[in-house]
């Protein structure tokens, strides 16, 4: 028994979600929340995999790790940028209205 070929997962955001009025359809709102959490976890797991590769590279390369592992460091930094659970990790459309600071 082997793997099934052609299995397709529905990983897209719900079509009936309205970002202008998210509470209009509570089911779509919950599906959108689940979609965002799922995408966040995928990003976190990708960063963990890159961190393990980076640890391995540091251990193997020894003193030359600065040159030989530079590409992994850049990939890891790019992968970890913006994947927290705080406000900055959310999609920019969910941050709320932008408030301009005035200089006095």
PDB file of N, CA and C in Angstrom:
ATOM      1  N   UNK A   1       0.847  -1.177   0.000  1.00  0.00           N
ATOM      2  CA  UNK A   1       0.000   0.000   0.000  1.00  0.00           C
ATOM      3  C   UNK A   1       0.889   1.235   0.000  1.00  0.00           C
ATOM      4  N   UNK A   2       0.751   2.067  -0.974  1.00  0.00           N
ATOM      5  CA  UNK A   2       1.582   3.253  -1.101  1.00  0.00           C
ATOM      6  C   UNK A   2       0.789   4.523  -0.912  1.00  0.00           C
ATOM      7  N   UNK A   3       1.451   5.591  -1.188  1.00  0.00           N
ATOM      8  CA  UNK A   3       0.789   6.889  -1.064  1.00  0.00           C
ATOM      9  C   UNK A   3      -0.186   7.106  -2.210  1.00  0.00           C
ATOM     10  N   UNK A   4      -1.241   7.808  -1.908  1.00  0.00           N
ATOM     11  CA  UNK A   4      -2.201   8.144  -2.949  1.00  0.00           C
ATOM     12  C   UNK A   4      -1.669   9.322  -3.738  1.00  0.00           C
ATOM     13  N   UNK A   5      -1.743   9.211  -5.026  1.00  0.00           N
ATOM     14  CA  UNK A   5      -1.295  10.311  -5.869  1.00  0.00           C
ATOM     15  C   UNK A   5      -2.456  11.225  -6.177  1.00  0.00           C
ATOM     16  N   UNK A   6      -2.177  12.492  -6.244  1.00  0.00           N
ATOM     17  CA  UNK A   6      -3.195  13.445  -6.623  1.00  0.00           C
ATOM     18  C   UNK A   6      -4.066  13.937  -5.479  1.00  0.00           C
ATOM     19  N   UNK A   7      -3.620  13.737  -4.235  1.00  0.00           N
ATOM     20  CA  UNK A   7      -4.391  14.240  -3.111  1.00  0.00           C
ATOM     21  C   UNK A   7      -4.195  15.754  -3.039  1.00  0.00           C
ATOM     22  N   UNK A   8      -5.299  16.477  -2.989  1.00  0.00           N
ATOM     23  CA  UNK A   8      -5.242  17.938  -2.958  1.00  0.00           C
ATOM     24  C   UNK A   8      -5.870  18.415  -1.655  1.00  0.00           C
ATOM     25  N   UNK A   9      -5.133  19.254  -0.943  1.00  0.00           N
ATOM     26  CA  UNK A   9      -5.643  19.821   0.293  1.00  0.00           C
ATOM     27  C   UNK A   9      -6.179  21.216   0.020  1.00  0.00           C
ATOM     28  N   UNK A  10      -7.288  21.540   0.649  1.00  0.00           N
ATOM     29  CA  UNK A  10      -7.864  22.872   0.504  1.00  0.00           C
ATOM     30  C   UNK A  10      -7.227  23.782   1.549  1.00  0.00           C
ATOM     31  N   UNK A  11      -6.175  24.483   1.160  1.00  0.00           N
ATOM     32  CA  UNK A  11      -5.433  25.331   2.087  1.00  0.00           C
ATOM     33  C   UNK A  11      -5.686  26.812   1.827  1.00  0.00           C
ATOM     34  N   UNK A  12      -6.708  27.125   1.075  1.00  0.00           N
ATOM     35  CA  UNK A  12      -6.959  28.527   0.755  1.00  0.00           C
ATOM     36  C   UNK A  12      -7.888  29.145   1.791  1.00  0.00           C
ATOM     37  N   UNK A  13      -7.877  30.460   1.818  1.00  0.00           N
ATOM     38  CA  UNK A  13      -8.756  31.183   2.731  1.00  0.00           C
ATOM     39  C   UNK A  13     -10.205  31.000   2.285  1.00  0.00           C
ATOM     40  N   UNK A  14     -11.154  31.113   3.212  1.00  0.00           N
ATOM     41  CA  UNK A  14     -12.560  30.955   2.818  1.00  0.00           C
ATOM     42  C   UNK A  14     -12.991  32.051   1.848  1.00  0.00           C
ATOM     43  N   UNK A  15     -13.771  31.649   0.860  1.00  0.00           N
ATOM     44  CA  UNK A  15     -14.190  32.594  -0.176  1.00  0.00           C
ATOM     45  C   UNK A  15     -15.236  33.582   0.319  1.00  0.00           C
ATOM     46  N   UNK A  16     -16.049  33.171   1.274  1.00  0.00           N
ATOM     47  CA  UNK A  16     -17.153  34.029   1.704  1.00  0.00           C
ATOM     48  C   UNK A  16     -16.797  34.943   2.873  1.00  0.00           C
ATOM     49  N   UNK A  17     -15.523  35.068   3.217  1.00  0.00           N
ATOM     50  CA  UNK A  17     -15.109  35.958   4.305  1.00  0.00           C
ATOM     51  C   UNK A  17     -15.020  37.388   3.796  1.00  0.00           C
ATOM     52  N   UNK A  18     -15.643  38.310   4.513  1.00  0.00           N
ATOM     53  CA  UNK A  18     -15.640  39.726   4.151  1.00  0.00           C
ATOM     54  C   UNK A  18     -14.792  40.484   5.170  1.00  0.00           C
ATOM     55  N   UNK A  19     -13.569  40.930   4.795  1.00  0.00           N
ATOM     56  CA  UNK A  19     -12.719  41.628   5.767  1.00  0.00           C
ATOM     57  C   UNK A  19     -13.298  42.969   6.214  1.00  0.00           C
ATOM     58  N   UNK A  20     -14.169  43.557   5.421  1.00  0.00           N
ATOM     59  CA  UNK A  20     -14.793  44.829   5.797  1.00  0.00           C
ATOM     60  C   UNK A  20     -15.812  44.640   6.917  1.00  0.00           C
ATOM     61  N   UNK A  21     -16.505  43.505   6.916  1.00  0.00           N
ATOM     62  CA  UNK A  21     -17.500  43.199   7.934  1.00  0.00           C
ATOM     63  C   UNK A  21     -17.288  41.749   8.374  1.00  0.00           C
ATOM     64  N   UNK A  22     -16.283  41.489   9.222  1.00  0.00           N
ATOM     65  CA  UNK A  22     -15.946  40.093   9.540  1.00  0.00           C
ATOM     66  C   UNK A  22     -17.004  39.367  10.352  1.00  0.00           C
ATOM     67  N   UNK A  23     -17.852  40.089  11.084  1.00  0.00           N
ATOM     68  CA  UNK A  23     -18.841  39.434  11.935  1.00  0.00           C
ATOM     69  C   UNK A  23     -20.154  39.128  11.211  1.00  0.00           C
ATOM     70  N   UNK A  24     -20.226  39.461   9.923  1.00  0.00           N
ATOM     71  CA  UNK A  24     -21.446  39.191   9.156  1.00  0.00           C
ATOM     72  C   UNK A  24     -21.712  37.690   9.071  1.00  0.00           C
ATOM     73  N   UNK A  25     -20.659  36.921   8.820  1.00  0.00           N
ATOM     74  CA  UNK A  25     -20.780  35.466   8.726  1.00  0.00           C
ATOM     75  C   UNK A  25     -19.837  34.831   9.749  1.00  0.00           C
ATOM     76  N   UNK A  26     -20.369  34.413  10.909  1.00  0.00           N
ATOM     77  CA  UNK A  26     -19.494  33.887  11.962  1.00  0.00           C
ATOM     78  C   UNK A  26     -18.736  32.623  11.551  1.00  0.00           C
ATOM     79  N   UNK A  27     -19.335  31.788  10.720  1.00  0.00           N
ATOM     80  CA  UNK A  27     -18.662  30.564  10.282  1.00  0.00           C
ATOM     81  C   UNK A  27     -17.461  30.910   9.418  1.00  0.00           C
ATOM     82  N   UNK A  28     -17.633  31.861   8.498  1.00  0.00           N
ATOM     83  CA  UNK A  28     -16.523  32.284   7.646  1.00  0.00           C
ATOM     84  C   UNK A  28     -15.430  32.950   8.481  1.00  0.00           C
ATOM     85  N   UNK A  29     -15.836  33.699   9.525  1.00  0.00           N
ATOM     86  CA  UNK A  29     -14.847  34.349  10.384  1.00  0.00           C
ATOM     87  C   UNK A  29     -14.003  33.292  11.103  1.00  0.00           C
ATOM     88  N   UNK A  30     -14.638  32.242  11.622  1.00  0.00           N
ATOM     89  CA  UNK A  30     -13.891  31.190  12.299  1.00  0.00           C
ATOM     90  C   UNK A  30     -13.012  30.406  11.326  1.00  0.00           C
ATOM     91  N   UNK A  31     -13.507  30.182  10.122  1.00  0.00           N
ATOM     92  CA  UNK A  31     -12.689  29.510   9.114  1.00  0.00           C
ATOM     93  C   UNK A  31     -11.476  30.360   8.747  1.00  0.00           C
ATOM     94  N   UNK A  32     -11.662  31.670   8.666  1.00  0.00           N
ATOM     95  CA  UNK A  32     -10.544  32.564   8.363  1.00  0.00           C
ATOM     96  C   UNK A  32      -9.538  32.551   9.511  1.00  0.00           C
ATOM     97  N   UNK A  33     -10.030  32.548  10.743  1.00  0.00           N
ATOM     98  CA  UNK A  33      -9.132  32.502  11.893  1.00  0.00           C
ATOM     99  C   UNK A  33      -8.321  31.205  11.876  1.00  0.00           C
ATOM    100  N   UNK A  34      -8.991  30.084  11.594  1.00  0.00           N
ATOM    101  CA  UNK A  34      -8.290  28.804  11.513  1.00  0.00           C
ATOM    102  C   UNK A  34      -7.256  28.816  10.390  1.00  0.00           C
ATOM    103  N   UNK A  35      -7.609  29.433   9.279  1.00  0.00           N
ATOM    104  CA  UNK A  35      -6.677  29.531   8.150  1.00  0.00           C
ATOM    105  C   UNK A  35      -5.434  30.332   8.549  1.00  0.00           C
ATOM    106  N   UNK A  36      -5.635  31.458   9.231  1.00  0.00           N
ATOM    107  CA  UNK A  36      -4.501  32.290   9.645  1.00  0.00           C
ATOM    108  C   UNK A  36      -3.611  31.558  10.650  1.00  0.00           C
ATOM    109  N   UNK A  37      -4.223  30.846  11.580  1.00  0.00           N
ATOM    110  CA  UNK A  37      -3.451  30.095  12.571  1.00  0.00           C
ATOM    111  C   UNK A  37      -2.667  28.975  11.897  1.00  0.00           C
ATOM    112  N   UNK A  38      -3.310  28.294  10.947  1.00  0.00           N
ATOM    113  CA  UNK A  38      -2.634  27.219  10.220  1.00  0.00           C
ATOM    114  C   UNK A  38      -1.427  27.754   9.451  1.00  0.00           C
ATOM    115  N   UNK A  39      -1.600  28.884   8.779  1.00  0.00           N
ATOM    116  CA  UNK A  39      -0.488  29.481   8.033  1.00  0.00           C
ATOM    117  C   UNK A  39       0.630  29.930   8.972  1.00  0.00           C
ATOM    118  N   UNK A  40       0.248  30.460  10.140  1.00  0.00           N
ATOM    119  CA  UNK A  40       1.235  30.886  11.122  1.00  0.00           C
ATOM    120  C   UNK A  40       2.057  29.694  11.612  1.00  0.00           C
ATOM    121  N   UNK A  41       1.385  28.572  11.897  1.00  0.00           N
ATOM    122  CA  UNK A  41       2.101  27.392  12.351  1.00  0.00           C
ATOM    123  C   UNK A  41       3.022  26.836  11.269  1.00  0.00           C
ATOM    124  N   UNK A  42       2.604  26.909  10.025  1.00  0.00           N
ATOM    125  CA  UNK A  42       3.460  26.460   8.927  1.00  0.00           C
ATOM    126  C   UNK A  42       4.722  27.308   8.876  1.00  0.00           C
ATOM    127  N   UNK A  43       4.577  28.628   9.015  1.00  0.00           N
ATOM    128  CA  UNK A  43       5.747  29.512   9.007  1.00  0.00           C
ATOM    129  C   UNK A  43       6.670  29.229  10.191  1.00  0.00           C
ATOM    130  N   UNK A  44       6.096  28.968  11.354  1.00  0.00           N
ATOM    131  CA  UNK A  44       6.897  28.677  12.537  1.00  0.00           C
ATOM    132  C   UNK A  44       7.672  27.370  12.349  1.00  0.00           C
ATOM    133  N   UNK A  45       7.024  26.358  11.803  1.00  0.00           N
ATOM    134  CA  UNK A  45       7.701  25.081  11.598  1.00  0.00           C
ATOM    135  C   UNK A  45       8.797  25.189  10.545  1.00  0.00           C
ATOM    136  N   UNK A  46       8.574  26.003   9.504  1.00  0.00           N
ATOM    137  CA  UNK A  46       9.637  26.229   8.511  1.00  0.00           C
ATOM    138  C   UNK A  46      10.848  26.875   9.165  1.00  0.00           C
ATOM    139  N   UNK A  47      10.600  27.837  10.056  1.00  0.00           N
ATOM    140  CA  UNK A  47      11.705  28.500  10.760  1.00  0.00           C
ATOM    141  C   UNK A  47      12.442  27.504  11.660  1.00  0.00           C
ATOM    142  N   UNK A  48      11.711  26.596  12.298  1.00  0.00           N
ATOM    143  CA  UNK A  48      12.362  25.592  13.142  1.00  0.00           C
ATOM    144  C   UNK A  48      13.263  24.673  12.320  1.00  0.00           C
ATOM    145  N   UNK A  49      12.798  24.292  11.138  1.00  0.00           N
ATOM    146  CA  UNK A  49      13.609  23.439  10.261  1.00  0.00           C
ATOM    147  C   UNK A  49      14.873  24.173   9.844  1.00  0.00           C
ATOM    148  N   UNK A  50      14.743  25.443   9.489  1.00  0.00           N
ATOM    149  CA  UNK A  50      15.921  26.223   9.115  1.00  0.00           C
ATOM    150  C   UNK A  50      16.871  26.385  10.298  1.00  0.00           C
ATOM    151  N   UNK A  51      16.339  26.531  11.506  1.00  0.00           N
ATOM    152  CA  UNK A  51      17.190  26.654  12.685  1.00  0.00           C
ATOM    153  C   UNK A  51      17.982  25.369  12.907  1.00  0.00           C
ATOM    154  N   UNK A  52      17.356  24.210  12.702  1.00  0.00           N
ATOM    155  CA  UNK A  52      18.072  22.942  12.848  1.00  0.00           C
ATOM    156  C   UNK A  52      19.172  22.812  11.797  1.00  0.00           C
ATOM    157  N   UNK A  53      18.888  23.224  10.563  1.00  0.00           N
ATOM    158  CA  UNK A  53      19.916  23.196   9.519  1.00  0.00           C
ATOM    159  C   UNK A  53      21.070  24.118   9.876  1.00  0.00           C
ATOM    160  N   UNK A  54      20.755  25.273  10.440  1.00  0.00           N
ATOM    161  CA  UNK A  54      21.782  26.229  10.828  1.00  0.00           C
ATOM    162  C   UNK A  54      22.642  25.691  11.969  1.00  0.00           C
ATOM    163  N   UNK A  55      22.024  25.043  12.952  1.00  0.00           N
ATOM    164  CA  UNK A  55      22.795  24.415  14.035  1.00  0.00           C
ATOM    165  C   UNK A  55      23.745  23.364  13.480  1.00  0.00           C
ATOM    166  N   UNK A  56      23.227  22.549  12.573  1.00  0.00           N
ATOM    167  CA  UNK A  56      24.054  21.511  11.964  1.00  0.00           C
ATOM    168  C   UNK A  56      25.226  22.131  11.212  1.00  0.00           C
ATOM    169  N   UNK A  57      24.957  23.193  10.473  1.00  0.00           N
ATOM    170  CA  UNK A  57      26.010  23.856   9.699  1.00  0.00           C
ATOM    171  C   UNK A  57      27.071  24.431  10.635  1.00  0.00           C
ATOM    172  N   UNK A  58      26.661  25.059  11.732  1.00  0.00           N
ATOM    173  CA  UNK A  58      27.617  25.609  12.695  1.00  0.00           C
ATOM    174  C   UNK A  58      28.517  24.515  13.255  1.00  0.00           C
ATOM    175  N   UNK A  59      27.919  23.375  13.582  1.00  0.00           N
ATOM    176  CA  UNK A  59      28.705  22.298  14.178  1.00  0.00           C
ATOM    177  C   UNK A  59      29.664  21.671  13.172  1.00  0.00           C
ATOM    178  N   UNK A  60      29.213  21.490  11.950  1.00  0.00           N
ATOM    179  CA  UNK A  60      30.033  20.822  10.939  1.00  0.00           C
ATOM    180  C   UNK A  60      31.152  21.732  10.442  1.00  0.00           C
ATOM    181  N   UNK A  61      30.837  22.992  10.174  1.00  0.00           N
ATOM    182  CA  UNK A  61      31.808  23.886   9.556  1.00  0.00           C
ATOM    183  C   UNK A  61      32.833  24.445  10.534  1.00  0.00           C
ATOM    184  N   UNK A  62      32.497  24.458  11.805  1.00  0.00           N
ATOM    185  CA  UNK A  62      33.463  24.918  12.798  1.00  0.00           C
ATOM    186  C   UNK A  62      33.826  26.382  12.623  1.00  0.00           C
ATOM    187  N   UNK A  63      35.112  26.654  12.496  1.00  0.00           N
ATOM    188  CA  UNK A  63      35.586  28.038  12.449  1.00  0.00           C
ATOM    189  C   UNK A  63      35.168  28.766  11.171  1.00  0.00           C
ATOM    190  N   UNK A  64      34.870  28.024  10.123  1.00  0.00           N
ATOM    191  CA  UNK A  64      34.479  28.631   8.853  1.00  0.00           C
ATOM    192  C   UNK A  64      32.973  28.878   8.750  1.00  0.00           C
ATOM    193  N   UNK A  65      32.258  28.759   9.846  1.00  0.00           N
ATOM    194  CA  UNK A  65      30.800  28.869   9.783  1.00  0.00           C
ATOM    195  C   UNK A  65      30.331  30.253   9.342  1.00  0.00           C
ATOM    196  N   UNK A  66      31.136  31.277   9.571  1.00  0.00           N
ATOM    197  CA  UNK A  66      30.704  32.623   9.169  1.00  0.00           C
ATOM    198  C   UNK A  66      30.545  32.733   7.655  1.00  0.00           C
ATOM    199  N   UNK A  67      31.441  32.109   6.909  1.00  0.00           N
ATOM    200  CA  UNK A  67      31.335  32.159   5.453  1.00  0.00           C
ATOM    201  C   UNK A  67      30.413  31.069   4.905  1.00  0.00           C
ATOM    202  N   UNK A  68      30.527  29.868   5.450  1.00  0.00           N
ATOM    203  CA  UNK A  68      29.833  28.727   4.863  1.00  0.00           C
ATOM    204  C   UNK A  68      28.353  28.674   5.223  1.00  0.00           C
ATOM    205  N   UNK A  69      27.964  29.284   6.339  1.00  0.00           N
ATOM    206  CA  UNK A  69      26.567  29.206   6.776  1.00  0.00           C
ATOM    207  C   UNK A  69      25.813  30.523   6.600  1.00  0.00           C
ATOM    208  N   UNK A  70      26.425  31.467   5.935  1.00  0.00           N
ATOM    209  CA  UNK A  70      25.818  32.791   5.787  1.00  0.00           C
ATOM    210  C   UNK A  70      24.466  32.727   5.088  1.00  0.00           C
ATOM    211  N   UNK A  71      24.347  31.893   4.066  1.00  0.00           N
ATOM    212  CA  UNK A  71      23.072  31.790   3.344  1.00  0.00           C
ATOM    213  C   UNK A  71      21.970  31.241   4.244  1.00  0.00           C
ATOM    214  N   UNK A  72      22.316  30.302   5.131  1.00  0.00           N
ATOM    215  CA  UNK A  72      21.312  29.774   6.054  1.00  0.00           C
ATOM    216  C   UNK A  72      20.904  30.808   7.099  1.00  0.00           C
ATOM    217  N   UNK A  73      21.859  31.614   7.528  1.00  0.00           N
ATOM    218  CA  UNK A  73      21.537  32.675   8.485  1.00  0.00           C
ATOM    219  C   UNK A  73      20.551  33.646   7.864  1.00  0.00           C
ATOM    220  N   UNK A  74      20.800  34.027   6.611  1.00  0.00           N
ATOM    221  CA  UNK A  74      19.894  34.966   5.943  1.00  0.00           C
ATOM    222  C   UNK A  74      18.510  34.360   5.755  1.00  0.00           C
ATOM    223  N   UNK A  75      18.442  33.088   5.371  1.00  0.00           N
ATOM    224  CA  UNK A  75      17.155  32.416   5.217  1.00  0.00           C
ATOM    225  C   UNK A  75      16.418  32.345   6.547  1.00  0.00           C
ATOM    226  N   UNK A  76      17.158  32.044   7.633  1.00  0.00           N
ATOM    227  CA  UNK A  76      16.530  31.936   8.948  1.00  0.00           C
ATOM    228  C   UNK A  76      16.014  33.294   9.419  1.00  0.00           C
ATOM    229  N   UNK A  77      16.797  34.344   9.218  1.00  0.00           N
ATOM    230  CA  UNK A  77      16.350  35.678   9.616  1.00  0.00           C
ATOM    231  C   UNK A  77      15.127  36.113   8.811  1.00  0.00           C
ATOM    232  N   UNK A  78      15.115  35.805   7.527  1.00  0.00           N
ATOM    233  CA  UNK A  78      13.948  36.132   6.705  1.00  0.00           C
ATOM    234  C   UNK A  78      12.721  35.327   7.139  1.00  0.00           C
ATOM    235  N   UNK A  79      12.945  34.073   7.523  1.00  0.00           N
ATOM    236  CA  UNK A  79      11.826  33.220   7.918  1.00  0.00           C
ATOM    237  C   UNK A  79      11.243  33.626   9.264  1.00  0.00           C
ATOM    238  N   UNK A  80      12.071  34.164  10.158  1.00  0.00           N
ATOM    239  CA  UNK A  80      11.575  34.526  11.489  1.00  0.00           C
ATOM    240  C   UNK A  80      11.028  35.940  11.551  1.00  0.00           C
ATOM    241  N   UNK A  81      11.198  36.709  10.520  1.00  0.00           N
ATOM    242  CA  UNK A  81      10.706  38.090  10.521  1.00  0.00           C
ATOM    243  C   UNK A  81       9.185  38.099  10.397  1.00  0.00           C
ATOM    244  N   UNK A  82       8.527  38.565  11.443  1.00  0.00           N
ATOM    245  CA  UNK A  82       7.077  38.727  11.387  1.00  0.00           C
ATOM    246  C   UNK A  82       6.270  37.475  11.674  1.00  0.00           C
ATOM    247  N   UNK A  83       6.850  36.476  12.361  1.00  0.00           N
ATOM    248  CA  UNK A  83       6.057  35.279  12.638  1.00  0.00           C
ATOM    249  C   UNK A  83       5.826  35.093  14.126  1.00  0.00           C
ATOM    250  N   UNK A  84       5.545  36.150  14.825  1.00  0.00           N
ATOM    251  CA  UNK A  84       5.220  36.012  16.236  1.00  0.00           C
ATOM    252  C   UNK A  84       3.717  35.915  16.408  1.00  0.00           C
ATOM    253  N   UNK A  85       3.280  35.791  17.656  1.00  0.00           N
ATOM    254  CA  UNK A  85       1.853  35.765  17.940  1.00  0.00           C
ATOM    255  C   UNK A  85       1.372  37.134  18.367  1.00  0.00           C
ATOM    256  N   UNK A  86       2.254  38.128  18.388  1.00  0.00           N
ATOM    257  CA  UNK A  86       1.874  39.466  18.793  1.00  0.00           C
ATOM    258  C   UNK A  86       1.240  40.242  17.655  1.00  0.00           C
ATOM    259  N   UNK A  87       0.996  41.513  17.890  1.00  0.00           N
ATOM    260  CA  UNK A  87       0.328  42.352  16.909  1.00  0.00           C
ATOM    261  C   UNK A  87       1.139  42.483  15.626  1.00  0.00           C
ATOM    262  N   UNK A  88       2.457  42.551  15.746  1.00  0.00           N
ATOM    263  CA  UNK A  88       3.277  42.725  14.557  1.00  0.00           C
ATOM    264  C   UNK A  88       3.294  41.483  13.675  1.00  0.00           C
ATOM    265  N   UNK A  89       2.938  40.324  14.223  1.00  0.00           N
ATOM    266  CA  UNK A  89       2.918  39.114  13.437  1.00  0.00           C
ATOM    267  C   UNK A  89       1.649  38.930  12.634  1.00  0.00           C
ATOM    268  N   UNK A  90       0.646  39.753  12.922  1.00  0.00           N
ATOM    269  CA  UNK A  90      -0.619  39.607  12.198  1.00  0.00           C
ATOM    270  C   UNK A  90      -0.527  40.235  10.815  1.00  0.00           C
ATOM    271  N   UNK A  91      -1.450  39.859   9.989  1.00  0.00           N
ATOM    272  CA  UNK A  91      -1.529  40.433   8.654  1.00  0.00           C
ATOM    273  C   UNK A  91      -1.777  41.935   8.781  1.00  0.00           C
ATOM    274  N   UNK A  92      -1.132  42.769   7.967  1.00  0.00           N
ATOM    275  CA  UNK A  92      -1.292  44.222   8.103  1.00  0.00           C
ATOM    276  C   UNK A  92      -2.734  44.712   8.038  1.00  0.00           C
ATOM    277  N   UNK A  93      -3.612  44.003   7.334  1.00  0.00           N
ATOM    278  CA  UNK A  93      -5.004  44.451   7.259  1.00  0.00           C
ATOM    279  C   UNK A  93      -5.724  44.270   8.592  1.00  0.00           C
ATOM    280  N   UNK A  94      -5.171  43.459   9.501  1.00  0.00           N
ATOM    281  CA  UNK A  94      -5.805  43.205  10.786  1.00  0.00           C
ATOM    282  C   UNK A  94      -5.260  44.074  11.915  1.00  0.00           C
ATOM    283  N   UNK A  95      -4.344  44.992  11.610  1.00  0.00           N
ATOM    284  CA  UNK A  95      -3.728  45.825  12.638  1.00  0.00           C
ATOM    285  C   UNK A  95      -4.625  46.964  13.101  1.00  0.00           C
ATOM    286  N   UNK A  96      -5.638  47.285  12.366  1.00  0.00           N
ATOM    287  CA  UNK A  96      -6.500  48.400  12.736  1.00  0.00           C
ATOM    288  C   UNK A  96      -6.055  49.668  12.014  1.00  0.00           C
ATOM    289  N   UNK A  97      -6.740  50.769  12.287  1.00  0.00           N
ATOM    290  CA  UNK A  97      -6.390  52.010  11.592  1.00  0.00           C
ATOM    291  C   UNK A  97      -5.015  52.513  12.007  1.00  0.00           C
ATOM    292  N   UNK A  98      -4.302  53.063  11.041  1.00  0.00           N
ATOM    293  CA  UNK A  98      -2.973  53.587  11.302  1.00  0.00           C
ATOM    294  C   UNK A  98      -3.091  54.980  11.918  1.00  0.00           C
ATOM    295  N   UNK A  99      -2.415  55.191  13.018  1.00  0.00           N
ATOM    296  CA  UNK A  99      -2.452  56.473  13.718  1.00  0.00           C
ATOM    297  C   UNK A  99      -1.123  57.168  13.470  1.00  0.00           C
ATOM    298  N   UNK A 100      -1.193  58.334  12.892  1.00  0.00           N
ATOM    299  CA  UNK A 100       0.019  59.105  12.586  1.00  0.00           C
ATOM    300  C   UNK A 100       0.458  59.871  13.824  1.00  0.00           C
ATOM    301  N   UNK A 101       1.728  59.797  14.142  1.00  0.00           N
ATOM    302  CA  UNK A 101       2.280  60.560  15.261  1.00  0.00           C
ATOM    303  C   UNK A 101       2.664  61.952  14.750  1.00  0.00           C
ATOM    304  N   UNK A 102       2.296  62.962  15.496  1.00  0.00           N
ATOM    305  CA  UNK A 102       2.613  64.319  15.089  1.00  0.00           C
ATOM    306  C   UNK A 102       3.797  64.825  15.894  1.00  0.00           C
ATOM    307  N   UNK A 103       4.734  65.465  15.215  1.00  0.00           N
ATOM    308  CA  UNK A 103       5.900  66.049  15.891  1.00  0.00           C
ATOM    309  C   UNK A 103       5.556  67.439  16.347  1.00  0.00           C
ATOM    310  N   UNK A 104       5.846  67.732  17.600  1.00  0.00           N
ATOM    311  CA  UNK A 104       5.515  69.048  18.128  1.00  0.00           C
ATOM    312  C   UNK A 104       6.742  69.870  18.303  1.00  0.00           C
TER     313      UNK A 104
END
